[in-house]
Amino acid sequence: MVITFDDLPAVAQVNDGVLATHERITTRLIATITENRIPVIGFVNEAKLVTDGAPDPQRIAFLRQWTDAGLELGNHGYAHLDMHTTSLDAYLADITRGDSVTRALTRDSGQRPRYFRHPFLHTGRSLDDRRRVEALLTERGYRVAPVTIDDQDWLFAAAYDYAPDSATRVRLADEYVRYMEAITAYYEQQSTALFGREIPQVLLVHANNLNADHFGRVAEMLRRRGYRFVPMAQALDDPVYASADTFTGAGGISWIHRWAITQGERGDFFAGEPPIAPWVMTLSRQQP
């Protein structure tokens, strides 16, 4: 399994953008990743590295913690623009603008950014738009970073940030780990239904307070299910990642489901995705 973290250096519902928040999330998350020896990729929004219109060395230092730990960085768009609500020219420019700091940092460690993650997993409403983006990515040395286990950790993270007390946060963390196991099992089932076997999965989660505090439990659960953690390049060597994908729908969905739709699957094939508990949904909207 490949583990990917989006929205670096960090994202939060409370005190987002505050240096202390980003420092806490970065430090705790990297400690968990290194303790579990996971070859993570972190996908960066470089707009978060700017203060008063100029690159902020303190914010850039958070990314350097990732490269110093031997972790890979990728491009998540400069400003996390939505391809489906932004002009294509603006979206292409955001990709180009989105890696100047990342390229410099990875160059220092003898690497370069190799993967681009579409914000919201929105990849285009037409094949022509998709091809234009893919052409730019190829020109810049990128490959699209797929996601096969598409979960809603961001919703649990919002509830965690809005939680009124520590007891609620403990309850949320327990529910989050249960949900992550259920969603993993669901996409294992979908993989077997489509390909007749389990494939090397790619998990998307975010650099937030919830994962900073509890991703170690998720990693433990995944290991218990028999997973080992591998680099993206190794997983993408599996031939399933060369499967035809002509999906141009409005949603940002798992690549397993993109491949399934391309192959003509409909309706019942997609049934059974585990729901999120109503109390979590409610709390995720309860801004303090």
C-alpha atoms as a PDB file:
ATOM      1  CA  MET A   1       0.000   0.000   0.000  1.00  0.00           C
ATOM      2  CA  VAL A   2       1.057   3.563  -0.760  1.00  0.00           C
ATOM      3  CA  ILE A   3       0.288   6.248   1.846  1.00  0.00           C
ATOM      4  CA  THR A   4      -0.165   9.796   0.563  1.00  0.00           C
ATOM      5  CA  PHE A   5      -0.824  12.967   2.546  1.00  0.00           C
ATOM      6  CA  ASP A   6      -2.472  15.958   0.855  1.00  0.00           C
ATOM      7  CA  ASP A   7      -2.563  19.698   1.626  1.00  0.00           C
ATOM      8  CA  LEU A   8       0.955  20.119   2.971  1.00  0.00           C
ATOM      9  CA  PRO A   9       2.343  21.669   4.984  1.00  0.00           C
ATOM     10  CA  ALA A  10      -0.891  21.269   6.984  1.00  0.00           C
ATOM     11  CA  VAL A  11      -4.631  21.875   7.018  1.00  0.00           C
ATOM     12  CA  ALA A  12      -6.959  22.598   9.943  1.00  0.00           C
ATOM     13  CA  GLN A  13     -10.458  23.910  10.562  1.00  0.00           C
ATOM     14  CA  VAL A  14      -9.358  25.904  13.613  1.00  0.00           C
ATOM     15  CA  ASN A  15      -6.297  28.177  13.456  1.00  0.00           C
ATOM     16  CA  ASP A  16      -5.471  27.056   9.920  1.00  0.00           C
ATOM     17  CA  GLY A  17      -2.424  28.918   8.670  1.00  0.00           C
ATOM     18  CA  VAL A  18      -1.179  29.680  12.178  1.00  0.00           C
ATOM     19  CA  LEU A  19       2.494  28.748  12.431  1.00  0.00           C
ATOM     20  CA  ALA A  20       2.051  26.884  15.701  1.00  0.00           C
ATOM     21  CA  THR A  21      -0.711  24.741  14.177  1.00  0.00           C
ATOM     22  CA  HIS A  22       1.404  23.817  11.156  1.00  0.00           C
ATOM     23  CA  GLU A  23       4.414  23.139  13.368  1.00  0.00           C
ATOM     24  CA  ARG A  24       2.443  20.824  15.641  1.00  0.00           C
ATOM     25  CA  ILE A  25       0.899  18.854  12.776  1.00  0.00           C
ATOM     26  CA  THR A  26       4.181  18.569  10.873  1.00  0.00           C
ATOM     27  CA  THR A  27       6.259  17.467  13.850  1.00  0.00           C
ATOM     28  CA  ARG A  28       3.796  14.880  15.142  1.00  0.00           C
ATOM     29  CA  LEU A  29       2.952  13.513  11.705  1.00  0.00           C
ATOM     30  CA  ILE A  30       6.569  13.033  10.654  1.00  0.00           C
ATOM     31  CA  ALA A  31       7.329  11.358  13.979  1.00  0.00           C
ATOM     32  CA  THR A  32       4.542   8.835  13.333  1.00  0.00           C
ATOM     33  CA  ILE A  33       5.596   8.272   9.716  1.00  0.00           C
ATOM     34  CA  THR A  34       9.248   7.689  10.576  1.00  0.00           C
ATOM     35  CA  GLU A  35       8.424   5.508  13.582  1.00  0.00           C
ATOM     36  CA  ASN A  36       6.329   3.300  11.292  1.00  0.00           C
ATOM     37  CA  ARG A  37       8.903   3.484   8.462  1.00  0.00           C
ATOM     38  CA  ILE A  38       6.336   4.473   5.835  1.00  0.00           C
ATOM     39  CA  PRO A  39       7.673   5.803   2.475  1.00  0.00           C
ATOM     40  CA  VAL A  40       5.049   8.546   2.328  1.00  0.00           C
ATOM     41  CA  ILE A  41       4.493  11.159  -0.381  1.00  0.00           C
ATOM     42  CA  GLY A  42       3.266  14.560   0.791  1.00  0.00           C
ATOM     43  CA  PHE A  43       1.425  16.715  -1.754  1.00  0.00           C
ATOM     44  CA  VAL A  44       2.103  20.420  -1.354  1.00  0.00           C
ATOM     45  CA  ASN A  45       0.038  23.583  -1.828  1.00  0.00           C
ATOM     46  CA  GLU A  46       2.789  26.195  -2.085  1.00  0.00           C
ATOM     47  CA  ALA A  47       0.362  29.085  -1.504  1.00  0.00           C
ATOM     48  CA  LYS A  48       0.547  28.026   2.145  1.00  0.00           C
ATOM     49  CA  LEU A  49       4.256  28.890   2.178  1.00  0.00           C
ATOM     50  CA  VAL A  50       3.625  32.601   1.575  1.00  0.00           C
ATOM     51  CA  THR A  51       3.230  35.359   4.166  1.00  0.00           C
ATOM     52  CA  ASP A  52       2.438  38.933   3.098  1.00  0.00           C
ATOM     53  CA  GLY A  53       3.085  38.076  -0.527  1.00  0.00           C
ATOM     54  CA  ALA A  54       6.560  36.601  -0.038  1.00  0.00           C
ATOM     55  CA  PRO A  55       7.946  33.111   0.630  1.00  0.00           C
ATOM     56  CA  ASP A  56       8.093  32.548   4.384  1.00  0.00           C
ATOM     57  CA  PRO A  57      11.256  30.723   5.545  1.00  0.00           C
ATOM     58  CA  GLN A  58       9.478  29.418   8.649  1.00  0.00           C
ATOM     59  CA  ARG A  59       6.748  27.813   6.557  1.00  0.00           C
ATOM     60  CA  ILE A  60       9.230  26.438   4.041  1.00  0.00           C
ATOM     61  CA  ALA A  61      11.082  24.876   6.982  1.00  0.00           C
ATOM     62  CA  PHE A  62       8.043  22.653   7.609  1.00  0.00           C
ATOM     63  CA  LEU A  63       8.519  21.115   4.160  1.00  0.00           C
ATOM     64  CA  ARG A  64      12.224  20.727   4.790  1.00  0.00           C
ATOM     65  CA  GLN A  65      11.330  18.509   7.741  1.00  0.00           C
ATOM     66  CA  TRP A  66       9.732  16.141   5.236  1.00  0.00           C
ATOM     67  CA  THR A  67      12.747  16.021   2.925  1.00  0.00           C
ATOM     68  CA  ASP A  68      15.148  15.784   5.882  1.00  0.00           C
ATOM     69  CA  ALA A  69      13.201  12.686   6.948  1.00  0.00           C
ATOM     70  CA  GLY A  70      13.778  11.182   3.497  1.00  0.00           C
ATOM     71  CA  LEU A  71      10.146  11.616   2.451  1.00  0.00           C
ATOM     72  CA  GLU A  72       8.973  12.460  -1.045  1.00  0.00           C
ATOM     73  CA  LEU A  73       7.069  15.616  -1.995  1.00  0.00           C
ATOM     74  CA  GLY A  74       4.643  16.123  -4.860  1.00  0.00           C
ATOM     75  CA  ASN A  75       2.664  18.938  -6.484  1.00  0.00           C
ATOM     76  CA  HIS A  76      -0.943  19.504  -5.371  1.00  0.00           C
ATOM     77  CA  GLY A  77      -1.385  22.783  -7.228  1.00  0.00           C
ATOM     78  CA  TYR A  78      -0.229  26.147  -5.939  1.00  0.00           C
ATOM     79  CA  ALA A  79      -3.611  27.234  -4.587  1.00  0.00           C
ATOM     80  CA  HIS A  80      -5.601  23.961  -4.586  1.00  0.00           C
ATOM     81  CA  LEU A  81      -7.788  25.111  -7.486  1.00  0.00           C
ATOM     82  CA  ASP A  82     -10.744  23.011  -8.567  1.00  0.00           C
ATOM     83  CA  MET A  83     -10.299  21.987 -12.204  1.00  0.00           C
ATOM     84  CA  HIS A  84     -14.077  21.805 -12.617  1.00  0.00           C
ATOM     85  CA  THR A  85     -14.749  25.399 -11.553  1.00  0.00           C
ATOM     86  CA  THR A  86     -11.583  27.087 -12.869  1.00  0.00           C
ATOM     87  CA  SER A  87     -10.628  27.993 -16.426  1.00  0.00           C
ATOM     88  CA  LEU A  88      -8.284  25.436 -17.914  1.00  0.00           C
ATOM     89  CA  ASP A  89      -5.596  28.045 -18.545  1.00  0.00           C
ATOM     90  CA  ALA A  90      -5.714  29.120 -14.886  1.00  0.00           C
ATOM     91  CA  TYR A  91      -5.532  25.500 -13.759  1.00  0.00           C
ATOM     92  CA  LEU A  92      -2.510  24.802 -15.949  1.00  0.00           C
ATOM     93  CA  ALA A  93      -0.802  27.932 -14.627  1.00  0.00           C
ATOM     94  CA  ASP A  94      -1.502  26.806 -11.063  1.00  0.00           C
ATOM     95  CA  ILE A  95       0.254  23.505 -11.740  1.00  0.00           C
ATOM     96  CA  THR A  96       3.288  25.298 -13.148  1.00  0.00           C
ATOM     97  CA  ARG A  97       3.370  27.732 -10.244  1.00  0.00           C
ATOM     98  CA  GLY A  98       2.920  24.973  -7.695  1.00  0.00           C
ATOM     99  CA  ASP A  99       6.388  23.471  -7.461  1.00  0.00           C
ATOM    100  CA  SER A 100       9.111  26.133  -7.337  1.00  0.00           C
ATOM    101  CA  VAL A 101       9.894  25.662  -3.634  1.00  0.00           C
ATOM    102  CA  THR A 102       9.303  21.916  -3.794  1.00  0.00           C
ATOM    103  CA  ARG A 103      11.733  21.508  -6.690  1.00  0.00           C
ATOM    104  CA  ALA A 104      14.415  23.448  -4.828  1.00  0.00           C
ATOM    105  CA  LEU A 105      13.972  21.405  -1.643  1.00  0.00           C
ATOM    106  CA  THR A 106      13.938  18.057  -3.408  1.00  0.00           C
ATOM    107  CA  ARG A 107      16.937  19.059  -5.516  1.00  0.00           C
ATOM    108  CA  ASP A 108      18.881  19.609  -2.299  1.00  0.00           C
ATOM    109  CA  SER A 109      18.187  15.972  -1.387  1.00  0.00           C
ATOM    110  CA  GLY A 110      19.030  14.658  -4.853  1.00  0.00           C
ATOM    111  CA  GLN A 111      15.419  14.137  -5.915  1.00  0.00           C
ATOM    112  CA  ARG A 112      12.710  15.883  -7.898  1.00  0.00           C
ATOM    113  CA  PRO A 113       8.906  15.977  -7.600  1.00  0.00           C
ATOM    114  CA  ARG A 114       7.498  13.161  -9.743  1.00  0.00           C
ATOM    115  CA  TYR A 115       3.769  13.109  -9.012  1.00  0.00           C
ATOM    116  CA  PHE A 116       0.849  15.527  -9.288  1.00  0.00           C
ATOM    117  CA  ARG A 117      -2.324  15.070  -7.242  1.00  0.00           C
ATOM    118  CA  HIS A 118      -5.445  16.744  -8.627  1.00  0.00           C
ATOM    119  CA  PRO A 119      -7.190  18.847  -5.946  1.00  0.00           C
ATOM    120  CA  PHE A 120     -10.554  17.301  -5.039  1.00  0.00           C
ATOM    121  CA  LEU A 121      -9.540  14.442  -7.396  1.00  0.00           C
ATOM    122  CA  HIS A 122     -11.278  16.444 -10.126  1.00  0.00           C
ATOM    123  CA  THR A 123      -9.532  15.453 -13.339  1.00  0.00           C
ATOM    124  CA  GLY A 124     -11.618  17.143 -16.051  1.00  0.00           C
ATOM    125  CA  ARG A 125     -15.100  17.168 -17.554  1.00  0.00           C
ATOM    126  CA  SER A 126     -13.866  16.304 -21.050  1.00  0.00           C
ATOM    127  CA  LEU A 127     -11.192  14.051 -22.469  1.00  0.00           C
ATOM    128  CA  ASP A 128      -9.726  17.038 -24.301  1.00  0.00           C
ATOM    129  CA  ASP A 129      -9.243  18.933 -21.023  1.00  0.00           C
ATOM    130  CA  ARG A 130      -7.737  15.844 -19.447  1.00  0.00           C
ATOM    131  CA  ARG A 131      -5.290  15.411 -22.308  1.00  0.00           C
ATOM    132  CA  ARG A 132      -4.168  19.041 -22.114  1.00  0.00           C
ATOM    133  CA  VAL A 133      -3.408  18.680 -18.412  1.00  0.00           C
ATOM    134  CA  GLU A 134      -1.641  15.377 -18.957  1.00  0.00           C
ATOM    135  CA  ALA A 135       0.485  16.939 -21.707  1.00  0.00           C
ATOM    136  CA  LEU A 136       1.672  19.679 -19.333  1.00  0.00           C
ATOM    137  CA  LEU A 137       2.366  17.153 -16.594  1.00  0.00           C
ATOM    138  CA  THR A 138       4.436  15.019 -18.957  1.00  0.00           C
ATOM    139  CA  GLU A 139       6.357  18.090 -20.092  1.00  0.00           C
ATOM    140  CA  ARG A 140       7.192  18.899 -16.474  1.00  0.00           C
ATOM    141  CA  GLY A 141       8.142  15.322 -15.591  1.00  0.00           C
ATOM    142  CA  TYR A 142       5.006  14.442 -13.638  1.00  0.00           C
ATOM    143  CA  ARG A 143       2.698  11.475 -13.471  1.00  0.00           C
ATOM    144  CA  VAL A 144      -0.812  11.773 -12.032  1.00  0.00           C
ATOM    145  CA  ALA A 145      -0.943  10.296  -8.527  1.00  0.00           C
ATOM    146  CA  PRO A 146      -3.972   8.000  -8.427  1.00  0.00           C
ATOM    147  CA  VAL A 147      -6.086   7.202  -5.375  1.00  0.00           C
ATOM    148  CA  THR A 148      -7.783   3.850  -4.933  1.00  0.00           C
ATOM    149  CA  ILE A 149      -8.933   4.146  -1.311  1.00  0.00           C
ATOM    150  CA  ASP A 150     -10.896   7.389  -1.396  1.00  0.00           C
ATOM    151  CA  ASP A 151     -12.007   8.118   2.145  1.00  0.00           C
ATOM    152  CA  GLN A 152     -13.394  11.131   3.982  1.00  0.00           C
ATOM    153  CA  ASP A 153     -10.744  11.625   6.637  1.00  0.00           C
ATOM    154  CA  TRP A 154     -11.172  15.382   6.121  1.00  0.00           C
ATOM    155  CA  LEU A 155     -14.694  15.184   7.534  1.00  0.00           C
ATOM    156  CA  PHE A 156     -13.526  13.351  10.652  1.00  0.00           C
ATOM    157  CA  ALA A 157     -10.703  15.891  10.928  1.00  0.00           C
ATOM    158  CA  ALA A 158     -13.182  18.777  10.890  1.00  0.00           C
ATOM    159  CA  ALA A 159     -15.190  17.110  13.654  1.00  0.00           C
ATOM    160  CA  TYR A 160     -11.960  16.530  15.598  1.00  0.00           C
ATOM    161  CA  ASP A 161     -10.997  20.192  15.336  1.00  0.00           C
ATOM    162  CA  TYR A 162     -14.490  21.302  16.406  1.00  0.00           C
ATOM    163  CA  ALA A 163     -14.782  18.767  19.248  1.00  0.00           C
ATOM    164  CA  PRO A 164     -15.760  20.498  22.492  1.00  0.00           C
ATOM    165  CA  ASP A 165     -13.652  18.340  24.816  1.00  0.00           C
ATOM    166  CA  SER A 166     -11.057  15.581  25.036  1.00  0.00           C
ATOM    167  CA  ALA A 167     -13.644  12.846  25.607  1.00  0.00           C
ATOM    168  CA  THR A 168     -15.282  13.683  22.289  1.00  0.00           C
ATOM    169  CA  ARG A 169     -11.912  13.637  20.546  1.00  0.00           C
ATOM    170  CA  VAL A 170     -11.201  10.173  21.959  1.00  0.00           C
ATOM    171  CA  ARG A 171     -14.583   8.945  20.723  1.00  0.00           C
ATOM    172  CA  LEU A 172     -13.933  10.494  17.305  1.00  0.00           C
ATOM    173  CA  ALA A 173     -10.515   8.886  17.021  1.00  0.00           C
ATOM    174  CA  ASP A 174     -11.969   5.464  17.806  1.00  0.00           C
ATOM    175  CA  GLU A 175     -14.719   5.971  15.224  1.00  0.00           C
ATOM    176  CA  TYR A 176     -12.174   7.188  12.664  1.00  0.00           C
ATOM    177  CA  VAL A 177     -10.048   4.053  12.948  1.00  0.00           C
ATOM    178  CA  ARG A 178     -13.169   1.875  12.634  1.00  0.00           C
ATOM    179  CA  TYR A 179     -14.252   3.827   9.558  1.00  0.00           C
ATOM    180  CA  MET A 180     -10.826   3.590   7.948  1.00  0.00           C
ATOM    181  CA  GLU A 181     -10.856  -0.183   8.362  1.00  0.00           C
ATOM    182  CA  ALA A 182     -14.348  -0.390   6.863  1.00  0.00           C
ATOM    183  CA  ILE A 183     -13.480   1.794   3.856  1.00  0.00           C
ATOM    184  CA  THR A 184     -10.294  -0.202   3.281  1.00  0.00           C
ATOM    185  CA  ALA A 185     -12.281  -3.451   3.311  1.00  0.00           C
ATOM    186  CA  TYR A 186     -14.772  -1.932   0.860  1.00  0.00           C
ATOM    187  CA  TYR A 187     -12.104  -1.044  -1.699  1.00  0.00           C
ATOM    188  CA  GLU A 188     -10.454  -4.429  -1.241  1.00  0.00           C
ATOM    189  CA  GLN A 189     -13.820  -5.919  -2.204  1.00  0.00           C
ATOM    190  CA  GLN A 190     -14.137  -3.539  -5.175  1.00  0.00           C
ATOM    191  CA  SER A 191     -10.648  -4.433  -6.360  1.00  0.00           C
ATOM    192  CA  THR A 192     -11.451  -8.138  -6.264  1.00  0.00           C
ATOM    193  CA  ALA A 193     -14.788  -7.605  -8.024  1.00  0.00           C
ATOM    194  CA  LEU A 194     -13.145  -5.694 -10.884  1.00  0.00           C
ATOM    195  CA  PHE A 195      -9.783  -7.423 -11.265  1.00  0.00           C
ATOM    196  CA  GLY A 196     -10.228 -10.764  -9.532  1.00  0.00           C
ATOM    197  CA  ARG A 197      -7.534  -9.928  -6.992  1.00  0.00           C
ATOM    198  CA  GLU A 198      -6.451  -7.293  -4.517  1.00  0.00           C
ATOM    199  CA  ILE A 199      -4.238  -4.658  -6.077  1.00  0.00           C
ATOM    200  CA  PRO A 200      -1.554  -2.423  -4.530  1.00  0.00           C
ATOM    201  CA  GLN A 201      -3.799   0.242  -3.013  1.00  0.00           C
ATOM    202  CA  VAL A 202      -3.090   3.982  -2.804  1.00  0.00           C
ATOM    203  CA  LEU A 203      -4.555   5.694   0.271  1.00  0.00           C
ATOM    204  CA  LEU A 204      -5.290   9.420   0.426  1.00  0.00           C
ATOM    205  CA  VAL A 205      -5.355  11.177   3.793  1.00  0.00           C
ATOM    206  CA  HIS A 206      -4.577  14.741   4.836  1.00  0.00           C
ATOM    207  CA  ALA A 207      -1.955  16.477   6.956  1.00  0.00           C
ATOM    208  CA  ASN A 208      -4.341  17.415   9.762  1.00  0.00           C
ATOM    209  CA  ASN A 209      -4.565  17.282  13.544  1.00  0.00           C
ATOM    210  CA  LEU A 210      -6.491  14.011  13.541  1.00  0.00           C
ATOM    211  CA  ASN A 211      -3.823  12.159  11.595  1.00  0.00           C
ATOM    212  CA  ALA A 212      -1.042  13.898  13.505  1.00  0.00           C
ATOM    213  CA  ASP A 213      -2.495  12.383  16.672  1.00  0.00           C
ATOM    214  CA  HIS A 214      -3.849   9.046  15.449  1.00  0.00           C
ATOM    215  CA  PHE A 215      -2.433   7.927  12.097  1.00  0.00           C
ATOM    216  CA  GLY A 216      -0.220   5.491  13.975  1.00  0.00           C
ATOM    217  CA  ARG A 217      -3.370   3.562  14.875  1.00  0.00           C
ATOM    218  CA  VAL A 218      -4.446   3.539  11.225  1.00  0.00           C
ATOM    219  CA  ALA A 219      -1.021   2.219  10.202  1.00  0.00           C
ATOM    220  CA  GLU A 220      -1.279  -0.500  12.852  1.00  0.00           C
ATOM    221  CA  MET A 221      -4.725  -1.491  11.556  1.00  0.00           C
ATOM    222  CA  LEU A 222      -3.435  -1.679   7.974  1.00  0.00           C
ATOM    223  CA  ARG A 223      -0.515  -3.864   8.999  1.00  0.00           C
ATOM    224  CA  ARG A 224      -2.902  -6.135  10.856  1.00  0.00           C
ATOM    225  CA  ARG A 225      -4.833  -6.518   7.588  1.00  0.00           C
ATOM    226  CA  GLY A 226      -1.646  -7.728   5.940  1.00  0.00           C
ATOM    227  CA  TYR A 227      -0.433  -4.569   4.239  1.00  0.00           C
ATOM    228  CA  ARG A 228       3.141  -3.455   3.865  1.00  0.00           C
ATOM    229  CA  PHE A 229       3.956   0.093   2.850  1.00  0.00           C
ATOM    230  CA  VAL A 230       5.718   0.690  -0.467  1.00  0.00           C
ATOM    231  CA  PRO A 231       6.758   3.698  -2.587  1.00  0.00           C
ATOM    232  CA  MET A 232       4.367   4.988  -5.236  1.00  0.00           C
ATOM    233  CA  ALA A 233       6.662   3.929  -8.083  1.00  0.00           C
ATOM    234  CA  GLN A 234       6.578   0.316  -6.919  1.00  0.00           C
ATOM    235  CA  ALA A 235       2.786   0.199  -6.723  1.00  0.00           C
ATOM    236  CA  LEU A 236       2.356   1.814 -10.137  1.00  0.00           C
ATOM    237  CA  ASP A 237       4.384  -0.988 -11.716  1.00  0.00           C
ATOM    238  CA  ASP A 238       1.307  -3.189 -11.269  1.00  0.00           C
ATOM    239  CA  PRO A 239      -0.436  -3.517 -14.662  1.00  0.00           C
ATOM    240  CA  VAL A 240      -3.804  -2.430 -13.244  1.00  0.00           C
ATOM    241  CA  TYR A 241      -2.480   1.124 -13.227  1.00  0.00           C
ATOM    242  CA  ALA A 242      -2.305   0.987 -17.025  1.00  0.00           C
ATOM    243  CA  SER A 243      -6.053   0.244 -17.181  1.00  0.00           C
ATOM    244  CA  ALA A 244      -8.119   2.428 -19.507  1.00  0.00           C
ATOM    245  CA  ASP A 245      -9.641   5.468 -17.782  1.00  0.00           C
ATOM    246  CA  THR A 246     -12.023   7.698 -19.739  1.00  0.00           C
ATOM    247  CA  PHE A 247     -13.907   9.023 -16.703  1.00  0.00           C
ATOM    248  CA  THR A 248     -15.110  12.629 -17.103  1.00  0.00           C
ATOM    249  CA  GLY A 249     -17.722  12.778 -14.355  1.00  0.00           C
ATOM    250  CA  ALA A 250     -18.223  15.637 -11.930  1.00  0.00           C
ATOM    251  CA  GLY A 251     -17.035  13.793  -8.834  1.00  0.00           C
ATOM    252  CA  GLY A 252     -13.599  13.056  -7.492  1.00  0.00           C
ATOM    253  CA  ILE A 253     -13.719   9.284  -7.148  1.00  0.00           C
ATOM    254  CA  SER A 254     -11.469   6.274  -6.631  1.00  0.00           C
ATOM    255  CA  TRP A 255      -9.471   5.081  -9.615  1.00  0.00           C
ATOM    256  CA  ILE A 256     -11.001   1.640  -9.061  1.00  0.00           C
ATOM    257  CA  HIS A 257     -14.384   3.167  -9.798  1.00  0.00           C
ATOM    258  CA  ARG A 258     -13.026   5.166 -12.762  1.00  0.00           C
ATOM    259  CA  TRP A 259     -11.731   1.954 -14.282  1.00  0.00           C
ATOM    260  CA  ALA A 260     -15.029   0.223 -13.494  1.00  0.00           C
ATOM    261  CA  ILE A 261     -17.080   2.956 -15.187  1.00  0.00           C
ATOM    262  CA  THR A 262     -14.770   2.839 -18.200  1.00  0.00           C
ATOM    263  CA  GLN A 263     -15.356  -0.922 -18.368  1.00  0.00           C
ATOM    264  CA  GLY A 264     -19.124  -0.403 -18.312  1.00  0.00           C
ATOM    265  CA  GLU A 265     -19.954  -1.144 -14.674  1.00  0.00           C
ATOM    266  CA  ARG A 266     -23.029   0.632 -13.324  1.00  0.00           C
ATOM    267  CA  GLY A 267     -25.426   0.691 -10.378  1.00  0.00           C
ATOM    268  CA  ASP A 268     -25.056  -2.163  -7.934  1.00  0.00           C
ATOM    269  CA  PHE A 269     -21.330  -2.549  -8.558  1.00  0.00           C
ATOM    270  CA  PHE A 270     -20.742   0.581  -6.469  1.00  0.00           C
ATOM    271  CA  ALA A 271     -23.064  -0.320  -3.583  1.00  0.00           C
ATOM    272  CA  GLY A 272     -21.886  -0.905  -0.058  1.00  0.00           C
ATOM    273  CA  GLU A 273     -19.570   2.012   0.689  1.00  0.00           C
ATOM    274  CA  PRO A 274     -19.536   2.359   4.487  1.00  0.00           C
ATOM    275  CA  PRO A 275     -21.455   5.379   5.797  1.00  0.00           C
ATOM    276  CA  ILE A 276     -20.184   7.954   8.238  1.00  0.00           C
ATOM    277  CA  ALA A 277     -21.971   8.057  11.580  1.00  0.00           C
ATOM    278  CA  PRO A 278     -24.550  10.878  11.711  1.00  0.00           C
ATOM    279  CA  TRP A 279     -23.075  12.284  14.924  1.00  0.00           C
ATOM    280  CA  VAL A 280     -19.714  12.694  13.181  1.00  0.00           C
ATOM    281  CA  MET A 281     -21.386  14.425  10.236  1.00  0.00           C
ATOM    282  CA  THR A 282     -23.165  16.803  12.603  1.00  0.00           C
ATOM    283  CA  LEU A 283     -20.051  17.636  14.604  1.00  0.00           C
ATOM    284  CA  SER A 284     -18.025  18.241  11.439  1.00  0.00           C
ATOM    285  CA  ARG A 285     -20.303  21.207  10.701  1.00  0.00           C
ATOM    286  CA  GLN A 286     -20.306  22.646  14.232  1.00  0.00           C
ATOM    287  CA  GLN A 287     -17.942  25.573  13.954  1.00  0.00           C
ATOM    288  CA  PRO A 288     -17.041  26.955  17.386  1.00  0.00           C
END
